[in-house]
């Protein structure tokens, strides 16, 4: 080929015996160099050189690779987000867990703040009384007392009466230092209604005791709210069982970060009951 520009040029995709365009000459050289550096096994027919305007004579070429198949990782990534596979209850779990997290945050601020609970109660909500009908003493001592509590369905409480019972159940805490709610069982009866079993743990100080811990289970029935897409409202709340432990004085010392050789500090914590 010659490097002088002629008066008439061929289209870049035409097969001319002699291409007199210096620009096309350099482009063909680069394409040849690219082909020489391409690893073996790469099928060239799957690479196409497209121009922005094929009717233009002096146009730039762009490489657009077309792969034979998707990467196996693409199918795996689709299963990372809950609800995209056949286990649709994982998606429901995440929605309920977000509600339980809001409950925890509210109680950690104050045991009197139950607005987060009230916000998710359905209009036709009904719940069991939160006072145990049976409390069996399983351990008694000057430092620690443990009761096993049981609840029964009994007469169902309407929305307002249940909120009052919830305030009464939390009134013994002056503050709450631990509030954990975990979904340990879930069953979808239909796309609009599901049943969950929730494990709860509440810990905090109060008048007449140093710490109280309550660990138990609730059965809860949820339904989707017609006004909010994807939101669940609590329709039924049934208390099942509870282990209630009270310590009347600090019974262990947290010496995390203390040097073991610091005997005076260690003894002071044990005697004064640092927690």
Protein backbone atom coordinates (compact mmCIF):
# COMPACT_ATOMS: atom_id res chain seq x y z
CA UNK A 1 0.00 0.00 0.00
CA UNK A 2 1.07 3.55 -0.57
CA UNK A 3 0.96 6.21 2.13
CA UNK A 4 -0.21 9.05 -0.10
CA UNK A 5 -3.82 10.14 0.01
CA UNK A 6 -5.74 9.63 -3.23
CA UNK A 7 -8.67 11.65 -4.43
CA UNK A 8 -11.05 8.74 -4.08
CA UNK A 9 -11.17 6.38 -1.08
CA UNK A 10 -12.99 3.15 -0.46
CA UNK A 11 -15.34 2.49 2.44
CA UNK A 12 -13.48 0.89 5.40
CA UNK A 13 -15.44 -2.35 5.00
CA UNK A 14 -15.03 -2.53 1.22
CA UNK A 15 -12.36 -4.80 -0.16
CA UNK A 16 -10.26 -2.44 -2.26
CA UNK A 17 -7.17 -3.71 -4.04
CA UNK A 18 -5.21 -0.72 -2.77
CA UNK A 19 -6.29 1.37 0.24
CA UNK A 20 -4.63 4.73 -0.14
CA UNK A 21 -5.84 6.16 3.17
CA UNK A 22 -3.00 6.55 5.64
CA UNK A 23 -5.55 6.49 8.48
CA UNK A 24 -6.98 3.15 7.37
CA UNK A 25 -3.48 1.82 6.89
CA UNK A 26 -2.60 2.58 10.52
CA UNK A 27 -5.91 1.12 11.75
CA UNK A 28 -5.27 -2.12 9.86
CA UNK A 29 -1.79 -2.29 11.35
CA UNK A 30 -3.23 -1.95 14.88
CA UNK A 31 -5.82 -4.63 14.15
CA UNK A 32 -3.10 -6.95 12.97
CA UNK A 33 -1.05 -6.32 16.09
CA UNK A 34 -4.10 -7.03 18.26
CA UNK A 35 -4.69 -10.34 16.46
CA UNK A 36 -1.08 -11.31 17.06
CA UNK A 37 -1.38 -10.68 20.81
CA UNK A 38 -4.70 -12.52 21.20
CA UNK A 39 -4.31 -15.79 23.18
CA UNK A 40 -4.94 -19.08 21.44
CA UNK A 41 -8.48 -20.39 21.75
CA UNK A 42 -10.10 -16.95 21.41
CA UNK A 43 -12.55 -17.23 18.56
CA UNK A 44 -12.14 -14.18 16.35
CA UNK A 45 -15.54 -14.39 14.61
CA UNK A 46 -17.14 -13.45 17.91
CA UNK A 47 -15.44 -10.06 17.85
CA UNK A 48 -16.97 -7.46 15.58
CA UNK A 49 -15.69 -4.06 14.67
CA UNK A 50 -18.51 -1.56 14.59
CA UNK A 51 -18.37 2.05 13.63
CA UNK A 52 -20.44 4.85 15.02
CA UNK A 53 -21.49 5.80 11.52
CA UNK A 54 -20.80 3.19 8.89
CA UNK A 55 -21.63 5.65 6.13
CA UNK A 56 -18.80 7.90 7.18
CA UNK A 57 -15.47 7.34 5.49
CA UNK A 58 -13.21 8.55 8.31
CA UNK A 59 -14.76 6.80 11.31
CA UNK A 60 -13.27 5.20 14.42
CA UNK A 61 -13.54 1.49 15.16
CA UNK A 62 -14.60 0.08 18.56
CA UNK A 63 -14.20 -3.42 19.90
CA UNK A 64 -17.42 -4.99 21.25
CA UNK A 65 -16.79 -8.55 22.53
CA UNK A 66 -19.65 -11.05 22.35
CA UNK A 67 -19.10 -13.93 24.75
CA UNK A 68 -20.37 -17.42 24.02
CA UNK A 69 -22.04 -17.93 27.44
CA UNK A 70 -22.55 -16.19 30.78
CA UNK A 71 -20.16 -16.76 33.62
CA UNK A 72 -21.26 -19.48 36.12
CA UNK A 73 -20.90 -16.85 38.85
CA UNK A 74 -23.80 -14.83 37.38
CA UNK A 75 -26.33 -17.52 38.32
CA UNK A 76 -24.87 -17.79 41.82
CA UNK A 77 -25.08 -14.05 42.46
CA UNK A 78 -28.81 -14.13 41.74
CA UNK A 79 -29.28 -16.28 44.85
CA UNK A 80 -27.50 -13.89 47.20
CA UNK A 81 -30.49 -11.58 47.62
CA UNK A 82 -33.26 -13.19 49.67
CA UNK A 83 -36.47 -13.99 47.84
CA UNK A 84 -34.98 -14.54 44.37
CA UNK A 85 -35.12 -18.33 44.67
CA UNK A 86 -37.73 -20.83 45.85
CA UNK A 87 -37.02 -20.02 49.53
CA UNK A 88 -39.29 -16.99 49.57
CA UNK A 89 -39.60 -17.12 53.38
CA UNK A 90 -36.05 -15.73 53.57
CA UNK A 91 -37.40 -12.49 52.13
CA UNK A 92 -40.26 -12.47 54.65
CA UNK A 93 -37.77 -13.13 57.46
CA UNK A 94 -35.73 -10.07 56.51
CA UNK A 95 -38.84 -7.89 56.57
CA UNK A 96 -39.93 -9.17 59.99
CA UNK A 97 -36.36 -8.90 61.31
CA UNK A 98 -36.31 -5.21 60.35
CA UNK A 99 -39.42 -4.68 62.51
CA UNK A 100 -37.84 -6.53 65.44
CA UNK A 101 -34.71 -4.40 65.12
CA UNK A 102 -36.86 -1.29 65.45
CA UNK A 103 -38.38 -2.75 68.63
CA UNK A 104 -34.94 -3.36 70.08
CA UNK A 105 -33.73 0.16 69.29
CA UNK A 106 -36.82 1.66 70.90
CA UNK A 107 -36.50 -0.32 74.15
CA UNK A 108 -32.80 0.44 74.47
CA UNK A 109 -33.71 4.12 74.55
CA UNK A 110 -36.41 3.62 77.16
CA UNK A 111 -38.67 0.72 78.28
CA UNK A 112 -41.54 3.24 78.15
CA UNK A 113 -41.15 3.81 74.42
CA UNK A 114 -43.46 1.30 72.78
CA UNK A 115 -44.44 3.38 69.78
CA UNK A 116 -42.50 1.01 67.52
CA UNK A 117 -44.72 -1.85 68.75
CA UNK A 118 -47.89 0.14 68.28
CA UNK A 119 -46.97 1.07 64.69
CA UNK A 120 -47.10 -2.54 63.47
CA UNK A 121 -50.29 -3.73 65.20
CA UNK A 122 -53.15 -4.42 62.81
CA UNK A 123 -56.54 -2.81 63.34
CA UNK A 124 -58.07 -6.19 64.28
CA UNK A 125 -55.10 -7.21 66.46
CA UNK A 126 -55.60 -9.59 69.36
CA UNK A 127 -52.99 -10.70 71.90
CA UNK A 128 -52.68 -12.78 75.02
CA UNK A 129 -52.05 -11.35 78.46
CA UNK A 130 -48.35 -10.92 79.17
CA UNK A 131 -48.63 -11.84 82.84
CA UNK A 132 -47.80 -15.50 83.51
CA UNK A 133 -50.55 -17.77 84.82
CA UNK A 134 -47.96 -20.08 86.39
CA UNK A 135 -44.55 -19.20 87.87
CA UNK A 136 -42.42 -22.03 89.26
CA UNK A 137 -39.37 -21.28 91.37
CA UNK A 138 -36.44 -23.36 90.12
CA UNK A 139 -33.61 -21.67 92.00
CA UNK A 140 -33.55 -19.59 95.14
CA UNK A 141 -30.64 -17.92 96.86
CA UNK A 142 -29.44 -14.67 98.38
CA UNK A 143 -27.84 -13.57 95.09
CA UNK A 144 -29.89 -15.21 92.32
CA UNK A 145 -33.50 -16.23 91.88
CA UNK A 146 -34.88 -18.05 88.82
CA UNK A 147 -38.52 -18.64 87.85
CA UNK A 148 -40.06 -20.58 84.96
CA UNK A 149 -43.16 -18.81 83.71
CA UNK A 150 -45.98 -20.16 81.55
CA UNK A 151 -48.71 -18.34 79.69
CA UNK A 152 -52.06 -19.45 78.35
CA UNK A 153 -54.22 -18.06 75.59
CA UNK A 154 -57.03 -17.00 77.89
CA UNK A 155 -59.22 -14.10 76.81
CA UNK A 156 -57.73 -12.20 73.87
CA UNK A 157 -56.85 -8.55 74.43
CA UNK A 158 -57.71 -5.94 71.84
CA UNK A 159 -55.16 -3.47 70.52
CA UNK A 160 -55.47 -0.83 73.25
CA UNK A 161 -55.67 -3.30 76.16
CA UNK A 162 -52.63 -5.21 74.89
CA UNK A 163 -50.50 -2.08 74.67
CA UNK A 164 -51.42 -1.29 78.26
CA UNK A 165 -50.44 -4.85 79.28
CA UNK A 166 -47.12 -4.44 77.46
CA UNK A 167 -46.37 -1.22 79.35
CA UNK A 168 -47.18 -2.98 82.62
CA UNK A 169 -44.90 -5.93 81.77
CA UNK A 170 -41.97 -3.58 81.09
CA UNK A 171 -42.61 -1.26 84.02
CA UNK A 172 -40.31 -3.19 86.40
CA UNK A 173 -37.27 -2.13 84.34
CA UNK A 174 -35.74 1.25 85.05
CA UNK A 175 -33.80 0.85 81.80
CA UNK A 176 -33.00 -1.95 79.37
CA UNK A 177 -29.41 -2.80 78.47
CA UNK A 178 -30.16 -5.80 76.24
CA UNK A 179 -33.14 -6.23 73.93
CA UNK A 180 -32.82 -9.02 71.38
CA UNK A 181 -35.56 -10.48 69.19
CA UNK A 182 -34.84 -13.34 66.79
CA UNK A 183 -37.08 -15.21 64.36
CA UNK A 184 -36.40 -18.90 65.04
CA UNK A 185 -39.32 -20.29 63.03
CA UNK A 186 -41.36 -19.07 60.07
CA UNK A 187 -44.20 -20.59 58.07
CA UNK A 188 -45.95 -18.87 55.17
CA UNK A 189 -49.62 -19.91 55.08
CA UNK A 190 -50.14 -17.73 52.00
CA UNK A 191 -48.40 -14.83 50.25
CA UNK A 192 -50.35 -12.47 52.52
CA UNK A 193 -50.18 -14.25 55.88
CA UNK A 194 -47.37 -15.93 57.79
CA UNK A 195 -46.63 -17.31 61.23
CA UNK A 196 -43.41 -16.80 63.18
CA UNK A 197 -41.92 -17.92 66.45
CA UNK A 198 -39.77 -15.25 68.07
CA UNK A 199 -37.19 -15.74 70.80
CA UNK A 200 -36.73 -12.67 72.99
CA UNK A 201 -34.20 -11.67 75.63
CA UNK A 202 -34.55 -8.61 77.83
CA UNK A 203 -32.01 -7.55 80.47
CA UNK A 204 -31.98 -4.49 82.66
CA UNK A 205 -31.85 -3.08 86.20
CA UNK A 206 -34.86 -2.11 88.24
CA UNK A 207 -36.11 -1.16 91.67
CA UNK A 208 -35.49 -3.96 94.15
CA UNK A 209 -33.02 -5.92 92.03
CA UNK A 210 -29.67 -5.41 90.36
CA UNK A 211 -30.42 -7.18 87.07
CA UNK A 212 -33.35 -9.06 85.62
CA UNK A 213 -33.17 -11.27 82.55
CA UNK A 214 -36.19 -12.59 80.67
CA UNK A 215 -35.76 -15.20 77.97
CA UNK A 216 -38.82 -16.66 76.28
CA UNK A 217 -40.81 -17.28 73.12
CA UNK A 218 -43.77 -15.67 71.37
CA UNK A 219 -45.96 -16.98 68.58
CA UNK A 220 -46.90 -14.22 66.14
CA UNK A 221 -49.16 -14.11 63.12
CA UNK A 222 -48.54 -11.45 60.47
CA UNK A 223 -50.46 -10.23 57.45
CA UNK A 224 -49.53 -7.90 54.63
CA UNK A 225 -50.83 -4.36 54.90
CA UNK A 226 -53.08 -3.36 52.01
CA UNK A 227 -51.93 0.26 52.22
CA UNK A 228 -48.21 -0.51 52.09
CA UNK A 229 -46.77 -2.90 49.54
CA UNK A 230 -44.61 -5.58 51.17
CA UNK A 231 -45.20 -4.33 54.75
CA UNK A 232 -46.44 -6.73 57.43
CA UNK A 233 -48.83 -5.95 60.26
CA UNK A 234 -49.00 -8.00 63.45
CA UNK A 235 -52.38 -9.66 63.76
CA UNK A 236 -51.96 -12.09 66.68
CA UNK A 237 -49.49 -12.29 69.59
CA UNK A 238 -49.34 -15.30 71.92
CA UNK A 239 -46.87 -15.55 74.81
CA UNK A 240 -45.63 -19.13 75.34
CA UNK A 241 -42.94 -19.54 77.99
CA UNK A 242 -40.32 -17.52 79.82
CA UNK A 243 -37.33 -17.95 82.12
CA UNK A 244 -37.06 -15.01 84.52
CA UNK A 245 -33.81 -14.56 86.47
CA UNK A 246 -33.09 -11.86 89.03
CA UNK A 247 -29.81 -11.00 90.71
CA UNK A 248 -29.98 -8.80 93.79
CA UNK A 249 -26.31 -7.88 93.68
CA UNK A 250 -23.48 -8.12 91.14
CA UNK A 251 -22.46 -11.77 90.94
CA UNK A 252 -19.52 -11.63 88.54
CA UNK A 253 -16.74 -9.25 87.60
CA UNK A 254 -15.84 -8.26 84.07
CA UNK A 255 -12.07 -7.85 84.09
CA UNK A 256 -11.63 -7.64 80.32
CA UNK A 257 -8.59 -5.57 79.53
CA UNK A 258 -7.22 -5.77 83.06
CA UNK A 259 -3.68 -7.07 83.51
CA UNK A 260 -3.64 -10.35 85.42
CA UNK A 261 -0.77 -9.07 87.51
CA UNK A 262 -2.82 -6.18 88.87
CA UNK A 263 -4.02 -8.09 91.94
CA UNK A 264 -5.31 -5.04 93.80
CA UNK A 265 -7.61 -3.97 90.96
CA UNK A 266 -8.80 -7.55 90.45
CA UNK A 267 -9.63 -8.02 94.15
CA UNK A 268 -11.41 -4.68 94.29
CA UNK A 269 -13.72 -5.66 91.46
CA UNK A 270 -14.61 -8.96 93.05
CA UNK A 271 -15.39 -7.36 96.40
CA UNK A 272 -17.35 -4.43 95.07
CA UNK A 273 -19.07 -6.39 92.29
CA UNK A 274 -18.11 -4.42 89.21
CA UNK A 275 -20.24 -5.40 86.20
